[in-house]
Protein backbone atom coordinates (compact mmCIF):
# COMPACT_ATOMS: atom_id res chain seq x y z
CA UNK A 1 -94.71 88.43 29.79
CA UNK A 2 -93.39 87.24 26.44
CA UNK A 3 -91.67 83.86 26.47
CA UNK A 4 -88.00 84.40 27.39
CA UNK A 5 -84.97 83.12 25.57
CA UNK A 6 -82.55 80.95 27.53
CA UNK A 7 -78.79 81.42 27.26
CA UNK A 8 -76.28 78.96 28.76
CA UNK A 9 -72.66 80.06 29.06
CA UNK A 10 -70.00 77.34 28.86
CA UNK A 11 -66.71 79.03 29.81
CA UNK A 12 -64.26 76.23 29.04
CA UNK A 13 -61.70 76.71 26.28
CA UNK A 14 -58.50 75.09 25.14
CA UNK A 15 -56.77 78.47 24.98
CA UNK A 16 -57.60 82.15 24.69
CA UNK A 17 -57.99 83.66 21.22
CA UNK A 18 -56.15 86.87 20.38
CA UNK A 19 -59.24 89.10 20.31
CA UNK A 20 -61.56 87.42 22.83
CA UNK A 21 -63.01 89.50 25.67
CA UNK A 22 -65.62 86.94 26.77
CA UNK A 23 -65.19 85.12 30.05
CA UNK A 24 -63.43 81.78 29.60
CA UNK A 25 -61.06 79.47 31.44
CA UNK A 26 -58.34 77.59 29.61
CA UNK A 27 -57.94 74.66 31.99
CA UNK A 28 -60.51 72.25 33.42
CA UNK A 29 -60.99 68.70 34.60
CA UNK A 30 -63.91 66.27 34.52
CA UNK A 31 -64.79 66.92 38.16
CA UNK A 32 -65.06 70.63 37.63
CA UNK A 33 -67.23 70.13 34.53
CA UNK A 34 -69.68 67.99 36.52
CA UNK A 35 -69.72 70.60 39.29
CA UNK A 36 -70.55 73.18 36.64
CA UNK A 37 -73.49 71.11 35.35
CA UNK A 38 -74.91 70.88 38.88
CA UNK A 39 -74.42 74.63 39.39
CA UNK A 40 -76.29 75.42 36.17
CA UNK A 41 -79.25 73.29 37.28
CA UNK A 42 -79.22 74.84 40.75
CA UNK A 43 -79.19 78.35 39.31
CA UNK A 44 -82.02 77.50 36.92
CA UNK A 45 -84.27 76.37 39.78
CA UNK A 46 -83.47 79.48 41.83
CA UNK A 47 -84.12 81.88 38.97
CA UNK A 48 -87.44 80.30 38.04
CA UNK A 49 -88.59 80.58 41.66
CA UNK A 50 -87.42 84.19 41.90
CA UNK A 51 -88.82 85.52 38.63
CA UNK A 52 -91.57 83.11 37.64
CA UNK A 53 -93.01 81.91 40.94
CA UNK A 54 -91.46 78.46 40.67
CA UNK A 55 -93.72 77.37 37.82
CA UNK A 56 -92.27 75.46 34.87
CA UNK A 57 -91.98 78.14 32.19
CA UNK A 58 -92.06 77.88 28.39
CA UNK A 59 -88.89 79.00 26.63
CA UNK A 60 -88.85 80.52 23.13
CA UNK A 61 -85.23 79.92 22.16
CA UNK A 62 -82.17 78.23 23.62
CA UNK A 63 -78.58 79.28 22.91
CA UNK A 64 -75.43 77.55 24.18
CA UNK A 65 -72.43 79.88 23.93
CA UNK A 66 -68.98 80.30 25.34
CA UNK A 67 -66.17 79.83 25.72
CA UNK A 68 -66.15 76.76 23.55
CA UNK A 69 -69.23 74.61 24.18
CA UNK A 70 -68.03 71.92 21.75
CA UNK A 71 -65.02 71.18 23.97
CA UNK A 72 -67.39 69.24 26.27
CA UNK A 73 -68.81 65.80 25.40
CA UNK A 74 -72.34 65.41 24.11
CA UNK A 75 -73.18 63.40 27.25
CA UNK A 76 -72.76 66.62 29.28
CA UNK A 77 -75.48 68.36 27.26
CA UNK A 78 -77.82 65.37 27.11
CA UNK A 79 -77.73 65.19 30.91
CA UNK A 80 -78.01 68.97 31.33
CA UNK A 81 -81.02 69.36 29.04
CA UNK A 82 -82.83 66.46 30.71
CA UNK A 83 -82.36 68.12 34.10
CA UNK A 84 -83.41 71.55 32.86
CA UNK A 85 -86.70 70.14 31.56
CA UNK A 86 -87.79 69.98 35.20
CA UNK A 87 -87.90 73.79 35.31
CA UNK A 88 -88.29 74.83 31.67
CA UNK A 89 -90.88 73.79 29.10
CA UNK A 90 -88.94 73.07 25.90
CA UNK A 91 -91.95 71.77 23.95
CA UNK A 92 -92.41 74.99 21.95
CA UNK A 93 -88.76 75.85 21.29
CA UNK A 94 -88.41 77.78 18.04
CA UNK A 95 -84.62 77.47 17.85
CA UNK A 96 -81.76 75.70 19.67
CA UNK A 97 -78.31 77.05 18.76
CA UNK A 98 -74.93 75.67 19.70
CA UNK A 99 -71.55 77.40 19.32
CA UNK A 100 -68.74 75.13 18.20
CA UNK A 101 -65.13 75.20 17.05
CA UNK A 102 -64.12 73.34 13.89
CA UNK A 103 -61.52 71.13 15.56
CA UNK A 104 -64.20 69.42 17.67
CA UNK A 105 -66.73 68.71 14.95
CA UNK A 106 -66.03 65.15 13.98
CA UNK A 107 -68.88 63.24 12.39
CA UNK A 108 -69.54 61.07 15.47
CA UNK A 109 -69.73 64.11 17.76
CA UNK A 110 -72.21 65.84 15.45
CA UNK A 111 -74.39 62.76 15.01
CA UNK A 112 -74.59 62.32 18.78
CA UNK A 113 -75.39 66.01 19.23
CA UNK A 114 -78.31 65.69 16.83
CA UNK A 115 -79.55 62.37 18.19
CA UNK A 116 -79.30 63.03 21.95
CA UNK A 117 -79.93 66.77 22.30
CA UNK A 118 -82.47 69.27 20.90
CA UNK A 119 -79.69 71.21 19.09
CA UNK A 120 -80.65 71.93 15.47
CA UNK A 121 -78.62 75.03 14.67
CA UNK A 122 -74.82 75.17 14.81
CA UNK A 123 -72.69 78.31 14.76
CA UNK A 124 -69.10 77.44 13.83
CA UNK A 125 -66.27 79.75 14.87
CA UNK A 126 -64.29 79.70 11.63
CA UNK A 127 -63.09 83.36 11.69
CA UNK A 128 -61.04 82.88 8.50
CA UNK A 129 -60.38 80.31 5.80
CA UNK A 130 -56.71 81.41 5.66
CA UNK A 131 -54.24 79.48 7.80
CA UNK A 132 -52.04 82.54 8.32
CA UNK A 133 -54.97 84.53 9.74
CA UNK A 134 -55.84 81.67 12.08
CA UNK A 135 -52.28 81.57 13.43
CA UNK A 136 -52.37 85.32 14.07
CA UNK A 137 -55.73 84.98 15.87
CA UNK A 138 -54.36 82.13 18.03
CA UNK A 139 -57.05 79.73 16.86
CA UNK A 140 -56.72 75.97 17.42
CA UNK A 141 -57.88 74.91 13.93
CA UNK A 142 -56.78 75.38 10.34
CA UNK A 143 -58.72 75.98 7.13
CA UNK A 144 -58.95 72.25 6.40
CA UNK A 145 -60.62 71.70 9.79
CA UNK A 146 -63.15 74.45 9.01
CA UNK A 147 -64.16 72.91 5.69
CA UNK A 148 -64.40 69.44 7.24
CA UNK A 149 -66.61 70.78 10.05
CA UNK A 150 -69.17 72.16 7.60
CA UNK A 151 -69.14 68.91 5.61
CA UNK A 152 -69.53 66.77 8.74
CA UNK A 153 -72.39 68.93 10.03
CA UNK A 154 -74.30 68.39 6.80
CA UNK A 155 -73.62 64.65 6.86
CA UNK A 156 -74.98 64.54 10.42
CA UNK A 157 -78.23 66.14 9.25
CA UNK A 158 -77.75 69.79 10.27
CA UNK A 159 -79.14 72.21 7.70
CA UNK A 160 -79.27 75.37 9.80
CA UNK A 161 -75.58 76.28 9.81
CA UNK A 162 -73.72 79.51 10.43
CA UNK A 163 -70.06 80.47 10.49
CA UNK A 164 -68.33 83.45 12.07
CA UNK A 165 -65.84 85.49 10.06
CA UNK A 166 -63.61 88.39 11.10
CA UNK A 167 -62.66 91.24 8.78
CA UNK A 168 -60.27 94.12 9.32
CA UNK A 169 -57.29 91.77 9.69
CA UNK A 170 -54.45 93.97 8.56
CA UNK A 171 -51.97 92.46 6.14
CA UNK A 172 -51.33 95.56 4.05
CA UNK A 173 -53.38 97.34 1.42
CA UNK A 174 -52.58 94.89 -1.37
CA UNK A 175 -53.64 91.78 0.50
CA UNK A 176 -56.33 92.76 3.03
CA UNK A 177 -59.28 93.31 0.67
CA UNK A 178 -58.34 90.39 -1.59
CA UNK A 179 -58.09 88.10 1.44
CA UNK A 180 -61.51 89.22 2.69
CA UNK A 181 -63.09 88.65 -0.71
CA UNK A 182 -61.71 85.13 -0.76
CA UNK A 183 -63.14 84.44 2.71
CA UNK A 184 -66.55 85.61 1.50
CA UNK A 185 -66.28 83.42 -1.59
CA UNK A 186 -66.17 80.36 0.69
CA UNK A 187 -69.61 81.28 2.05
CA UNK A 188 -71.00 81.01 -1.47
CA UNK A 189 -69.00 77.90 -2.37
CA UNK A 190 -70.20 76.08 0.73
CA UNK A 191 -73.79 77.19 0.21
CA UNK A 192 -74.13 78.40 3.80
CA UNK A 193 -77.51 79.90 4.75
CA UNK A 194 -76.18 82.23 7.47
CA UNK A 195 -72.94 83.88 8.54
CA UNK A 196 -71.78 86.52 10.97
CA UNK A 197 -69.08 89.04 10.05
CA UNK A 198 -67.36 91.08 12.74
CA UNK A 199 -64.73 93.78 12.39
CA UNK A 200 -61.67 92.97 14.49
CA UNK A 201 -62.04 95.18 17.55
CA UNK A 202 -59.59 96.17 20.26
CA UNK A 203 -60.94 95.20 23.69
CA UNK A 204 -59.04 96.10 26.90
CA UNK A 205 -57.40 93.15 28.60
CA UNK A 206 -57.23 90.91 25.53
CA UNK A 207 -54.08 89.44 24.03
CA UNK A 208 -54.65 91.71 21.04
CA UNK A 209 -54.73 94.76 23.29
CA UNK A 210 -51.34 93.85 24.74
CA UNK A 211 -49.83 93.17 21.32
CA UNK A 212 -50.99 96.53 19.99
CA UNK A 213 -49.66 98.30 23.09
CA UNK A 214 -46.31 96.57 22.63
CA UNK A 215 -46.19 97.48 18.94
CA UNK A 216 -46.36 93.83 17.88
CA UNK A 217 -49.61 94.20 15.93
CA UNK A 218 -51.05 97.00 13.84
CA UNK A 219 -54.80 97.44 13.55
CA UNK A 220 -56.25 97.99 10.08
CA UNK A 221 -56.89 101.67 9.28
CA UNK A 222 -60.49 102.83 9.30
CA UNK A 223 -60.45 103.26 5.52
CA UNK A 224 -59.64 99.56 5.03
CA UNK A 225 -62.34 98.44 7.47
CA UNK A 226 -64.81 100.61 5.55
CA UNK A 227 -63.77 99.07 2.20
CA UNK A 228 -64.22 95.57 3.58
CA UNK A 229 -67.63 96.43 5.05
CA UNK A 230 -68.86 97.73 1.69
CA UNK A 231 -67.42 94.60 0.07
CA UNK A 232 -69.54 92.60 2.54
CA UNK A 233 -72.65 94.54 1.55
CA UNK A 234 -71.99 93.97 -2.15
CA UNK A 235 -71.45 90.25 -1.60
CA UNK A 236 -74.68 89.97 0.39
CA UNK A 237 -76.65 91.69 -2.37
CA UNK A 238 -75.19 89.50 -5.12
CA UNK A 239 -75.67 86.24 -3.24
CA UNK A 240 -79.19 86.88 -1.94
CA UNK A 241 -78.32 87.35 1.74
CA UNK A 242 -80.38 89.71 3.87
CA UNK A 243 -78.06 91.88 5.96
CA UNK A 244 -80.60 91.75 8.78
CA UNK A 245 -78.27 93.03 11.51
CA UNK A 246 -75.06 94.97 11.08
CA UNK A 247 -72.94 91.86 11.76
CA UNK A 248 -75.35 89.11 10.67
CA UNK A 249 -76.47 87.94 7.24
CA UNK A 250 -78.96 85.23 6.30
CA UNK A 251 -80.80 83.65 3.43
CA UNK A 252 -84.60 84.01 3.87
CA UNK A 253 -85.86 81.93 6.77
CA UNK A 254 -82.44 81.40 8.39
CA UNK A 255 -82.19 84.47 10.65
CA UNK A 256 -80.90 83.75 14.17
CA UNK A 257 -84.07 83.96 16.25
CA UNK A 258 -82.41 84.00 19.68
CA UNK A 259 -80.12 86.91 18.86
CA UNK A 260 -82.90 88.76 17.04
CA UNK A 261 -84.91 88.73 20.25
CA UNK A 262 -82.06 90.56 22.03
CA UNK A 263 -82.27 93.34 19.46
CA UNK A 264 -86.05 93.58 19.87
CA UNK A 265 -85.77 94.11 23.64
CA UNK A 266 -87.37 90.77 24.54
CA UNK A 267 -86.63 89.00 27.86
CA UNK A 268 -83.90 86.42 28.30
CA UNK A 269 -82.48 84.38 31.15
CA UNK A 270 -78.77 83.59 31.33
CA UNK A 271 -77.26 80.66 33.21
CA UNK A 272 -73.59 80.14 33.99
CA UNK A 273 -70.56 82.12 35.12
CA UNK A 274 -70.64 85.68 33.68
CA UNK A 275 -74.05 85.10 32.04
CA UNK A 276 -76.43 88.08 31.79
CA UNK A 277 -80.21 88.12 32.12
CA UNK A 278 -82.89 90.69 31.34
CA UNK A 279 -86.39 90.37 32.82
CA UNK A 280 -88.79 93.31 32.88
CA UNK A 281 -86.51 96.30 33.35
CA UNK A 282 -84.09 94.42 35.57
CA UNK A 283 -80.73 93.31 34.26
CA UNK A 284 -78.59 90.97 36.35
CA UNK A 285 -75.38 89.08 35.75
CA UNK A 286 -73.28 86.40 37.40
CA UNK A 287 -69.75 86.51 38.72
CA UNK A 288 -66.91 85.90 36.29
CA UNK A 289 -64.99 83.94 38.92
CA UNK A 290 -65.62 80.27 38.26
CA UNK A 291 -64.73 79.02 41.79
CA UNK A 292 -67.18 81.51 43.29
CA UNK A 293 -69.93 80.49 40.89
CA UNK A 294 -69.41 76.80 41.61
CA UNK A 295 -69.64 77.44 45.35
CA UNK A 296 -72.68 79.73 45.20
CA UNK A 297 -74.43 80.75 41.97
CA UNK A 298 -75.71 83.89 43.70
CA UNK A 299 -72.23 84.99 44.80
CA UNK A 300 -71.13 88.30 43.34
CA UNK A 301 -74.29 88.71 41.27
CA UNK A 302 -74.70 92.23 39.89
CA UNK A 303 -78.02 93.95 39.34
CA UNK A 304 -79.35 97.13 37.82
CA UNK A 305 -82.85 98.45 37.26
CA UNK A 306 -83.20 100.37 34.03
CA UNK A 307 -85.11 103.61 34.07
CA UNK A 308 -87.70 104.05 31.36
CA UNK A 309 -85.34 106.41 29.54
CA UNK A 310 -82.43 103.94 29.76
CA UNK A 311 -84.69 101.18 28.46
CA UNK A 312 -85.77 103.43 25.58
CA UNK A 313 -82.17 104.30 24.69
CA UNK A 314 -81.10 100.66 24.67
CA UNK A 315 -84.01 99.62 22.50
CA UNK A 316 -83.38 102.35 19.93
CA UNK A 317 -79.63 101.59 19.85
CA UNK A 318 -80.06 97.87 19.25
CA UNK A 319 -83.05 98.17 16.91
CA UNK A 320 -81.23 100.60 14.63
CA UNK A 321 -78.50 97.99 14.16
CA UNK A 322 -81.06 95.80 12.40
CA UNK A 323 -82.59 95.88 8.94
CA UNK A 324 -86.02 95.76 10.59
CA UNK A 325 -85.29 98.95 12.53
CA UNK A 326 -87.37 100.62 15.22
CA UNK A 327 -90.90 99.23 15.45
CA UNK A 328 -93.57 101.84 16.34
CA UNK A 329 -95.62 99.25 18.26
CA UNK A 330 -92.65 98.55 20.54
CA UNK A 331 -92.27 102.28 21.17
CA UNK A 332 -95.80 102.25 22.61
CA UNK A 333 -94.36 100.74 25.83
CA UNK A 334 -92.74 104.10 26.54
CA UNK A 335 -94.22 107.38 27.76
CA UNK A 336 -95.86 109.83 25.33
CA UNK A 337 -92.93 112.19 25.97
CA UNK A 338 -90.35 109.62 24.82
CA UNK A 339 -92.47 108.65 21.83
CA UNK A 340 -92.69 112.31 20.86
CA UNK A 341 -88.93 112.75 21.33
CA UNK A 342 -88.31 109.80 19.02
CA UNK A 343 -90.64 111.27 16.40
CA UNK A 344 -88.88 114.64 16.44
CA UNK A 345 -85.40 113.15 16.13
CA UNK A 346 -86.52 110.61 13.54
CA UNK A 347 -87.85 113.45 11.36
CA UNK A 348 -84.49 115.22 11.58
CA UNK A 349 -82.56 112.05 10.69
CA UNK A 350 -84.89 111.35 7.76
CA UNK A 351 -84.21 114.86 6.42
CA UNK A 352 -80.47 114.22 6.77
CA UNK A 353 -80.74 110.96 4.86
CA UNK A 354 -79.71 108.96 7.93
CA UNK A 355 -83.07 107.25 8.37
CA UNK A 356 -85.75 105.86 6.08
CA UNK A 357 -89.27 104.61 6.77
CA UNK A 358 -90.12 101.23 5.24
CA UNK A 359 -93.22 99.19 6.06
CA UNK A 360 -93.85 101.55 8.94
CA UNK A 361 -90.41 100.85 10.49
CA UNK A 362 -87.58 103.33 10.97
CA UNK A 363 -84.24 102.02 9.75
CA UNK A 364 -80.81 103.23 8.67
CA UNK A 365 -80.26 102.99 4.89
CA UNK A 366 -77.61 100.60 3.60
CA UNK A 367 -75.29 103.43 2.56
CA UNK A 368 -75.14 104.73 6.15
CA UNK A 369 -75.03 101.47 8.14
CA UNK A 370 -71.35 101.80 8.97
CA UNK A 371 -72.35 104.99 10.84
CA UNK A 372 -75.03 103.24 12.89
CA UNK A 373 -73.64 103.95 16.36
CA UNK A 374 -73.22 107.65 15.64
CA UNK A 375 -76.70 108.00 14.17
CA UNK A 376 -78.27 106.09 17.07
CA UNK A 377 -76.50 108.32 19.60
CA UNK A 378 -78.40 111.34 18.20
CA UNK A 379 -81.54 109.89 19.82
CA UNK A 380 -79.97 110.11 23.27
């Protein structure tokens, strides 16, 4: 088996953002945080025994996400990583990423993070460099905090930096595109090597969902989202970013390795409440009830075994979201019938201009990338 990636979910947050559909809890105390650390270590030992025979296993990448990981002190992570080294071999880690919010990234915090943990890549949840947008999104920081966070990270020695941005924030036709262009200009001004850009989406159960239902917020029309996406593509081309996944852009050598492995159908192990794992063709996930997870990390765990066809569909869907595209050698894992089905459909999509072959890979051309989900569904 290929070396798995390791994901650790930290659910604690100060408050819920307008759009967020990820599992998080807005209130916590020091005792609960320590209980969570112990639960993570307990789950790690159990999973290694179950799936890897109890042997200490090498890990390819490590990603700490949330929630808001940076809300917890560095001492929490230093202790956690030391304990996890009993079950995981971190000696060959290719990447260690850490999600953070700008309001937590003081210089002392970042220096300690670099000195006492293996974290070397930071993904900062900026979302916008406009204070008005941040208020609408219910974020806890302002634009000044975001700029200071990037500066502090560099002072602390972090070179592999990324920020998240959201487009499709509707402020009217005259302001929406101009505002998005200004947000993108900050990427260039700050000299960032990587950023993620997500269209604001409406997820059931979120604060945004309720506001839209109540008529208190209007989503941007599809035409505006399309204009902003093409603006993103133009910016990437001008500034030398590779748009290597539909929502992720990087200068050469700064692609997010952990996330890229998801899109290539490689194995990963998730620890923490609501975390998902994927080993072989088995997918399993933890309860989203924190008290249950703290009491028993196996409580409420869900499982599914993917059929070969399901596995094929998921691989094609995620691979087509990337600039790399579908890799013929990874198709060889599937039956001759599925490989033949892919070949037939790929030929049709190439004739329609929806697919191109570059370096032996099948990918969606830049002009059609906004239609990725629809094109991918033709293979199902």
